[in-house]
């Protein structure tokens, strides 16, 4: 019912999703997967896209 609370929840969802996906990326880097520059940049882009998609799905659920 409160739009500002929904926005705050959405920001927390983004932060949590980004934290989870970035953590998975760092685990992969620790296993020496994707350590060259091209793959590292692609994996960072994948983290941003995945966290953005998770946030969009949460926004759709919160505001629909």
Protein backbone atom coordinates (compact mmCIF):
# COMPACT_ATOMS: atom_id res chain seq x y z
CA UNK A 1 0.00 0.00 0.00
CA UNK A 2 2.96 2.33 0.61
CA UNK A 3 4.91 3.10 -2.59
CA UNK A 4 8.06 4.25 -0.76
CA UNK A 5 8.19 1.01 1.20
CA UNK A 6 7.83 -0.95 -2.03
CA UNK A 7 10.70 1.02 -3.55
CA UNK A 8 12.82 0.34 -0.47
CA UNK A 9 12.03 -3.37 -0.72
CA UNK A 10 12.91 -3.27 -4.39
CA UNK A 11 16.27 -1.66 -3.59
CA UNK A 12 16.94 -4.38 -1.03
CA UNK A 13 16.02 -7.05 -3.59
CA UNK A 14 18.49 -5.56 -6.05
CA UNK A 15 21.23 -5.39 -3.41
CA UNK A 16 20.63 -9.00 -2.35
CA UNK A 17 20.46 -10.30 -5.92
CA UNK A 18 23.62 -8.42 -6.89
CA UNK A 19 25.41 -9.73 -3.81
CA UNK A 20 24.43 -13.34 -4.57
CA UNK A 21 25.36 -13.21 -8.26
CA UNK A 22 28.61 -11.36 -7.61
CA UNK A 23 29.47 -13.92 -4.95
CA UNK A 24 28.94 -16.73 -7.44
CA UNK A 25 31.15 -14.88 -9.90
CA UNK A 26 33.91 -14.54 -7.31
CA UNK A 27 33.66 -18.24 -6.47
CA UNK A 28 34.14 -18.98 -10.16
CA UNK A 29 37.14 -16.64 -10.26
CA UNK A 30 38.61 -18.43 -7.21
CA UNK A 31 38.34 -21.67 -9.18
CA UNK A 32 40.31 -19.94 -11.99
CA UNK A 33 37.33 -19.87 -14.32
CA UNK A 34 37.04 -16.72 -16.39
CA UNK A 35 40.19 -15.03 -15.20
CA UNK A 36 41.24 -13.59 -18.54
CA UNK A 37 40.12 -10.06 -19.27
CA UNK A 38 37.43 -10.84 -21.85
CA UNK A 39 35.68 -13.50 -19.76
CA UNK A 40 35.97 -11.43 -16.60
CA UNK A 41 34.22 -8.53 -18.31
CA UNK A 42 31.54 -10.85 -19.68
CA UNK A 43 30.93 -12.36 -16.26
CA UNK A 44 30.63 -8.91 -14.69
CA UNK A 45 28.10 -7.98 -17.36
CA UNK A 46 26.24 -11.22 -16.65
CA UNK A 47 26.09 -10.31 -12.95
CA UNK A 48 24.60 -6.92 -13.76
CA UNK A 49 22.06 -8.40 -16.18
CA UNK A 50 21.05 -11.20 -13.81
CA UNK A 51 20.58 -8.84 -10.87
CA UNK A 52 18.64 -6.46 -13.08
CA UNK A 53 16.39 -9.27 -14.29
CA UNK A 54 15.78 -10.45 -10.73
CA UNK A 55 14.91 -6.88 -9.77
CA UNK A 56 12.52 -6.51 -12.69
CA UNK A 57 10.78 -9.74 -11.73
CA UNK A 58 10.46 -8.54 -8.15
CA UNK A 59 9.13 -5.17 -9.34
CA UNK A 60 6.58 -6.91 -11.49
CA UNK A 61 5.47 -8.93 -8.46
CA UNK A 62 5.45 -5.93 -6.11
CA UNK A 63 3.67 -3.43 -8.35
CA UNK A 64 1.34 -5.66 -10.36
